[in-house]
Amino acid sequence: MRALILLSLMILSLNANEFLTSEFWDEEDKQKHFTGSVAIGVVTTGLARHYGSSKIESFFIGVGSTIMIGWLKEVSDGNGNGTKDINDLDADMLGAVTGSVISTQFNWRF
């Protein structure tokens, strides 16, 4: 799981110039992906803490599960009528890390 998260963060850093521009965030879709991922990251990290995981473990569980959900959503978009946009995963990764950090720092348990 940690390898998946580290790989995702490395891919995210390769696209850093793109998502740091205002044009990236002007799209409403990217804002929805980020906001949804923050919410999923907060909840899954809090659930992991509730069930006895340490702060570090719960952080990685929150980030990993959120990235996996975002990835599955993009895969399903490619199979249906939706359009596949790899940049949505960048917004998902940023949201996953943000939500997990928030939940970990406030020591929330659900």
N, C-alpha and C. Protein backbone atom coordinates (compact mmCIF):
# COMPACT_ATOMS: atom_id res chain seq x y z
N MET A 1 0.83 -1.19 0.00
CA MET A 1 0.00 0.00 0.00
C MET A 1 0.88 1.25 0.00
N ARG A 2 1.93 1.24 0.81
CA ARG A 2 2.82 2.40 0.85
C ARG A 2 3.50 2.63 -0.50
N ALA A 3 3.84 1.54 -1.16
CA ALA A 3 4.48 1.68 -2.48
C ALA A 3 3.52 2.32 -3.47
N LEU A 4 2.24 1.94 -3.41
CA LEU A 4 1.23 2.53 -4.30
C LEU A 4 1.10 4.02 -4.03
N ILE A 5 1.08 4.40 -2.78
CA ILE A 5 0.94 5.81 -2.43
C ILE A 5 2.17 6.59 -2.86
N LEU A 6 3.35 6.04 -2.61
CA LEU A 6 4.57 6.73 -3.02
C LEU A 6 4.65 6.86 -4.54
N LEU A 7 4.25 5.82 -5.25
CA LEU A 7 4.22 5.89 -6.71
C LEU A 7 3.24 6.97 -7.18
N SER A 8 2.07 7.03 -6.55
CA SER A 8 1.08 8.04 -6.91
C SER A 8 1.60 9.44 -6.65
N LEU A 9 2.27 9.63 -5.53
CA LEU A 9 2.82 10.95 -5.21
C LEU A 9 3.94 11.33 -6.17
N MET A 10 4.72 10.35 -6.62
CA MET A 10 5.76 10.64 -7.61
C MET A 10 5.14 11.06 -8.93
N ILE A 11 4.08 10.38 -9.34
CA ILE A 11 3.38 10.75 -10.58
C ILE A 11 2.78 12.15 -10.43
N LEU A 12 2.22 12.42 -9.27
CA LEU A 12 1.65 13.74 -9.01
C LEU A 12 2.71 14.82 -9.11
N SER A 13 3.91 14.55 -8.62
CA SER A 13 4.96 15.56 -8.68
C SER A 13 5.42 15.81 -10.12
N LEU A 14 5.29 14.81 -10.99
CA LEU A 14 5.65 15.02 -12.40
C LEU A 14 4.70 15.99 -13.08
N ASN A 15 3.45 16.04 -12.62
CA ASN A 15 2.45 16.93 -13.20
C ASN A 15 2.29 18.20 -12.39
N ALA A 16 3.24 18.53 -11.53
CA ALA A 16 3.10 19.66 -10.61
C ALA A 16 2.88 20.97 -11.36
N ASN A 17 3.56 21.19 -12.46
CA ASN A 17 3.40 22.44 -13.19
C ASN A 17 1.98 22.62 -13.69
N GLU A 18 1.34 21.52 -14.04
CA GLU A 18 -0.01 21.62 -14.59
C GLU A 18 -1.04 21.95 -13.53
N PHE A 19 -1.01 21.25 -12.37
CA PHE A 19 -2.06 21.50 -11.40
C PHE A 19 -1.79 22.72 -10.53
N LEU A 20 -0.63 23.33 -10.65
CA LEU A 20 -0.38 24.57 -9.93
C LEU A 20 -0.87 25.79 -10.70
N THR A 21 -1.31 25.60 -11.93
CA THR A 21 -1.81 26.71 -12.72
C THR A 21 -3.29 26.95 -12.40
N SER A 22 -3.73 28.17 -12.59
CA SER A 22 -5.13 28.49 -12.30
C SER A 22 -6.07 27.83 -13.30
N GLU A 23 -5.59 27.56 -14.52
CA GLU A 23 -6.45 26.93 -15.51
C GLU A 23 -6.89 25.54 -15.07
N PHE A 24 -6.01 24.84 -14.36
CA PHE A 24 -6.34 23.50 -13.87
C PHE A 24 -7.54 23.56 -12.92
N TRP A 25 -7.52 24.52 -12.01
CA TRP A 25 -8.56 24.62 -10.98
C TRP A 25 -9.78 25.37 -11.45
N ASP A 26 -9.74 25.99 -12.64
CA ASP A 26 -10.92 26.68 -13.16
C ASP A 26 -12.02 25.70 -13.56
N GLU A 27 -11.64 24.48 -13.87
CA GLU A 27 -12.63 23.48 -14.24
C GLU A 27 -13.39 23.03 -12.99
N GLU A 28 -14.70 23.08 -13.06
CA GLU A 28 -15.53 22.69 -11.91
C GLU A 28 -15.34 21.22 -11.56
N ASP A 29 -15.05 20.40 -12.56
CA ASP A 29 -14.86 18.97 -12.34
C ASP A 29 -13.67 18.71 -11.41
N LYS A 30 -12.59 19.44 -11.59
CA LYS A 30 -11.40 19.25 -10.74
C LYS A 30 -11.70 19.65 -9.29
N GLN A 31 -12.49 20.71 -9.12
CA GLN A 31 -12.86 21.15 -7.78
C GLN A 31 -13.73 20.10 -7.09
N LYS A 32 -14.62 19.47 -7.85
CA LYS A 32 -15.46 18.41 -7.29
C LYS A 32 -14.63 17.19 -6.90
N HIS A 33 -13.67 16.84 -7.75
CA HIS A 33 -12.80 15.71 -7.44
C HIS A 33 -12.00 15.99 -6.16
N PHE A 34 -11.44 17.19 -6.05
CA PHE A 34 -10.65 17.54 -4.88
C PHE A 34 -11.52 17.51 -3.62
N THR A 35 -12.69 18.14 -3.67
CA THR A 35 -13.56 18.21 -2.50
C THR A 35 -14.04 16.81 -2.08
N GLY A 36 -14.45 16.01 -3.04
CA GLY A 36 -14.89 14.65 -2.73
C GLY A 36 -13.78 13.81 -2.14
N SER A 37 -12.58 13.98 -2.65
CA SER A 37 -11.43 13.22 -2.14
C SER A 37 -11.05 13.66 -0.74
N VAL A 38 -11.18 14.94 -0.45
CA VAL A 38 -10.92 15.41 0.92
C VAL A 38 -11.90 14.73 1.88
N ALA A 39 -13.18 14.70 1.50
CA ALA A 39 -14.19 14.08 2.36
C ALA A 39 -13.92 12.59 2.56
N ILE A 40 -13.60 11.89 1.48
CA ILE A 40 -13.31 10.45 1.59
C ILE A 40 -12.06 10.22 2.43
N GLY A 41 -11.04 11.05 2.23
CA GLY A 41 -9.80 10.92 3.00
C GLY A 41 -10.02 11.15 4.49
N VAL A 42 -10.82 12.15 4.84
CA VAL A 42 -11.12 12.42 6.25
C VAL A 42 -11.83 11.24 6.89
N VAL A 43 -12.86 10.73 6.21
CA VAL A 43 -13.67 9.66 6.77
C VAL A 43 -12.87 8.35 6.88
N THR A 44 -12.16 7.96 5.82
CA THR A 44 -11.44 6.68 5.89
C THR A 44 -10.29 6.74 6.89
N THR A 45 -9.63 7.88 7.00
CA THR A 45 -8.57 8.02 8.00
C THR A 45 -9.16 7.96 9.41
N GLY A 46 -10.28 8.63 9.62
CA GLY A 46 -10.95 8.58 10.92
C GLY A 46 -11.44 7.20 11.28
N LEU A 47 -11.95 6.46 10.28
CA LEU A 47 -12.38 5.09 10.54
C LEU A 47 -11.19 4.19 10.89
N ALA A 48 -10.09 4.38 10.21
CA ALA A 48 -8.90 3.58 10.52
C ALA A 48 -8.42 3.86 11.94
N ARG A 49 -8.46 5.13 12.36
CA ARG A 49 -8.07 5.48 13.74
C ARG A 49 -9.04 4.86 14.73
N HIS A 50 -10.31 4.87 14.40
CA HIS A 50 -11.33 4.31 15.29
C HIS A 50 -11.10 2.82 15.52
N TYR A 51 -10.68 2.13 14.48
CA TYR A 51 -10.47 0.69 14.59
C TYR A 51 -9.06 0.31 15.03
N GLY A 52 -8.30 1.26 15.57
CA GLY A 52 -7.05 0.93 16.23
C GLY A 52 -5.77 1.14 15.46
N SER A 53 -5.81 1.73 14.29
CA SER A 53 -4.58 1.99 13.55
C SER A 53 -3.84 3.18 14.14
N SER A 54 -2.53 3.17 14.00
CA SER A 54 -1.74 4.31 14.46
C SER A 54 -1.97 5.49 13.51
N LYS A 55 -1.43 6.65 13.88
CA LYS A 55 -1.61 7.83 13.02
C LYS A 55 -1.01 7.60 11.64
N ILE A 56 0.18 7.03 11.59
CA ILE A 56 0.84 6.80 10.30
C ILE A 56 0.06 5.79 9.47
N GLU A 57 -0.33 4.69 10.10
CA GLU A 57 -1.09 3.67 9.38
C GLU A 57 -2.41 4.23 8.87
N SER A 58 -3.11 4.98 9.71
CA SER A 58 -4.39 5.53 9.29
C SER A 58 -4.22 6.54 8.16
N PHE A 59 -3.13 7.30 8.18
CA PHE A 59 -2.85 8.23 7.09
C PHE A 59 -2.71 7.48 5.77
N PHE A 60 -1.91 6.43 5.76
CA PHE A 60 -1.70 5.67 4.53
C PHE A 60 -2.97 4.93 4.10
N ILE A 61 -3.76 4.45 5.05
CA ILE A 61 -5.02 3.80 4.70
C ILE A 61 -5.97 4.82 4.06
N GLY A 62 -6.04 6.01 4.64
CA GLY A 62 -6.90 7.06 4.10
C GLY A 62 -6.49 7.50 2.71
N VAL A 63 -5.21 7.75 2.52
CA VAL A 63 -4.72 8.18 1.21
C VAL A 63 -4.89 7.06 0.19
N GLY A 64 -4.50 5.86 0.55
CA GLY A 64 -4.58 4.73 -0.38
C GLY A 64 -5.99 4.41 -0.81
N SER A 65 -6.91 4.39 0.13
CA SER A 65 -8.30 4.07 -0.23
C SER A 65 -8.92 5.17 -1.08
N THR A 66 -8.59 6.41 -0.79
CA THR A 66 -9.13 7.52 -1.57
C THR A 66 -8.60 7.51 -3.00
N ILE A 67 -7.30 7.26 -3.16
CA ILE A 67 -6.72 7.19 -4.50
C ILE A 67 -7.32 6.01 -5.27
N MET A 68 -7.52 4.89 -4.59
CA MET A 68 -8.10 3.73 -5.25
C MET A 68 -9.53 4.01 -5.71
N ILE A 69 -10.32 4.69 -4.89
CA ILE A 69 -11.68 5.04 -5.28
C ILE A 69 -11.66 5.98 -6.48
N GLY A 70 -10.78 6.97 -6.47
CA GLY A 70 -10.66 7.89 -7.61
C GLY A 70 -10.23 7.18 -8.87
N TRP A 71 -9.29 6.25 -8.73
CA TRP A 71 -8.82 5.48 -9.88
C TRP A 71 -9.95 4.62 -10.46
N LEU A 72 -10.71 3.97 -9.59
CA LEU A 72 -11.83 3.14 -10.05
C LEU A 72 -12.89 3.99 -10.74
N LYS A 73 -13.10 5.19 -10.25
CA LYS A 73 -14.06 6.09 -10.89
C LYS A 73 -13.61 6.45 -12.29
N GLU A 74 -12.32 6.72 -12.45
CA GLU A 74 -11.81 7.06 -13.79
C GLU A 74 -11.87 5.86 -14.73
N VAL A 75 -11.61 4.67 -14.22
CA VAL A 75 -11.72 3.47 -15.04
C VAL A 75 -13.16 3.28 -15.49
N SER A 76 -14.10 3.49 -14.58
CA SER A 76 -15.51 3.34 -14.94
C SER A 76 -15.95 4.42 -15.93
N ASP A 77 -15.38 5.62 -15.84
CA ASP A 77 -15.68 6.67 -16.82
C ASP A 77 -15.25 6.25 -18.22
N GLY A 78 -14.15 5.56 -18.32
CA GLY A 78 -13.66 5.13 -19.62
C GLY A 78 -14.51 4.04 -20.24
N ASN A 79 -15.19 3.25 -19.41
CA ASN A 79 -16.02 2.16 -19.92
C ASN A 79 -17.45 2.59 -20.25
N GLY A 80 -17.89 3.67 -19.63
CA GLY A 80 -19.26 4.14 -19.85
C GLY A 80 -19.29 5.31 -20.81
N ASN A 81 -20.26 6.16 -20.61
CA ASN A 81 -20.41 7.33 -21.47
C ASN A 81 -19.53 8.49 -21.02
N GLY A 82 -18.98 8.43 -19.82
CA GLY A 82 -18.14 9.52 -19.31
C GLY A 82 -16.81 9.58 -20.03
N THR A 83 -16.13 10.68 -19.84
CA THR A 83 -14.81 10.83 -20.46
C THR A 83 -13.73 10.61 -19.41
N LYS A 84 -12.71 9.92 -19.81
CA LYS A 84 -11.59 9.63 -18.92
C LYS A 84 -10.65 10.82 -18.94
N ASP A 85 -10.30 11.34 -17.76
CA ASP A 85 -9.38 12.47 -17.66
C ASP A 85 -8.35 12.14 -16.58
N ILE A 86 -7.14 11.90 -17.01
CA ILE A 86 -6.08 11.53 -16.07
C ILE A 86 -5.78 12.65 -15.08
N ASN A 87 -6.07 13.89 -15.48
CA ASN A 87 -5.84 15.01 -14.57
C ASN A 87 -6.78 14.99 -13.37
N ASP A 88 -7.90 14.29 -13.49
CA ASP A 88 -8.79 14.13 -12.34
C ASP A 88 -8.08 13.39 -11.22
N LEU A 89 -7.20 12.48 -11.58
CA LEU A 89 -6.46 11.74 -10.55
C LEU A 89 -5.51 12.66 -9.78
N ASP A 90 -5.00 13.69 -10.43
CA ASP A 90 -4.16 14.66 -9.71
C ASP A 90 -4.96 15.36 -8.63
N ALA A 91 -6.17 15.78 -8.97
CA ALA A 91 -7.04 16.43 -7.99
C ALA A 91 -7.43 15.44 -6.89
N ASP A 92 -7.65 14.18 -7.26
CA ASP A 92 -7.97 13.14 -6.27
C ASP A 92 -6.80 12.93 -5.31
N MET A 93 -5.59 12.88 -5.83
CA MET A 93 -4.43 12.66 -4.97
C MET A 93 -4.21 13.82 -4.01
N LEU A 94 -4.34 15.04 -4.51
CA LEU A 94 -4.21 16.20 -3.63
C LEU A 94 -5.27 16.20 -2.54
N GLY A 95 -6.49 15.87 -2.92
CA GLY A 95 -7.58 15.80 -1.95
C GLY A 95 -7.38 14.69 -0.94
N ALA A 96 -6.86 13.55 -1.40
CA ALA A 96 -6.62 12.42 -0.50
C ALA A 96 -5.60 12.78 0.57
N VAL A 97 -4.51 13.39 0.16
CA VAL A 97 -3.47 13.78 1.11
C VAL A 97 -4.00 14.86 2.06
N THR A 98 -4.71 15.83 1.53
CA THR A 98 -5.24 16.91 2.35
C THR A 98 -6.22 16.38 3.39
N GLY A 99 -7.17 15.55 2.97
CA GLY A 99 -8.15 14.99 3.89
C GLY A 99 -7.52 14.12 4.96
N SER A 100 -6.55 13.31 4.58
CA SER A 100 -5.90 12.43 5.54
C SER A 100 -5.06 13.22 6.54
N VAL A 101 -4.40 14.27 6.08
CA VAL A 101 -3.62 15.11 6.99
C VAL A 101 -4.55 15.80 7.98
N ILE A 102 -5.67 16.33 7.50
CA ILE A 102 -6.61 17.01 8.39
C ILE A 102 -7.11 16.06 9.46
N SER A 103 -7.55 14.88 9.05
CA SER A 103 -8.08 13.91 10.00
C SER A 103 -7.02 13.44 10.98
N THR A 104 -5.80 13.25 10.51
CA THR A 104 -4.71 12.80 11.38
C THR A 104 -4.33 13.88 12.40
N GLN A 105 -4.24 15.11 11.94
CA GLN A 105 -3.82 16.20 12.83
C GLN A 105 -4.85 16.49 13.91
N PHE A 106 -6.13 16.37 13.58
CA PHE A 106 -7.16 16.62 14.57
C PHE A 106 -7.51 15.37 15.36
N ASN A 107 -6.86 14.25 15.01
CA ASN A 107 -7.04 12.98 15.70
C ASN A 107 -8.51 12.55 15.73
N TRP A 108 -9.20 12.76 14.58
CA TRP A 108 -10.60 12.40 14.48
C TRP A 108 -10.75 10.90 14.39
N ARG A 109 -11.76 10.39 15.08
CA ARG A 109 -12.07 8.96 15.04
C ARG A 109 -13.56 8.83 14.80
N PHE A 110 -13.94 8.07 13.79
CA PHE A 110 -15.36 7.90 13.46
C PHE A 110 -15.82 6.51 13.77
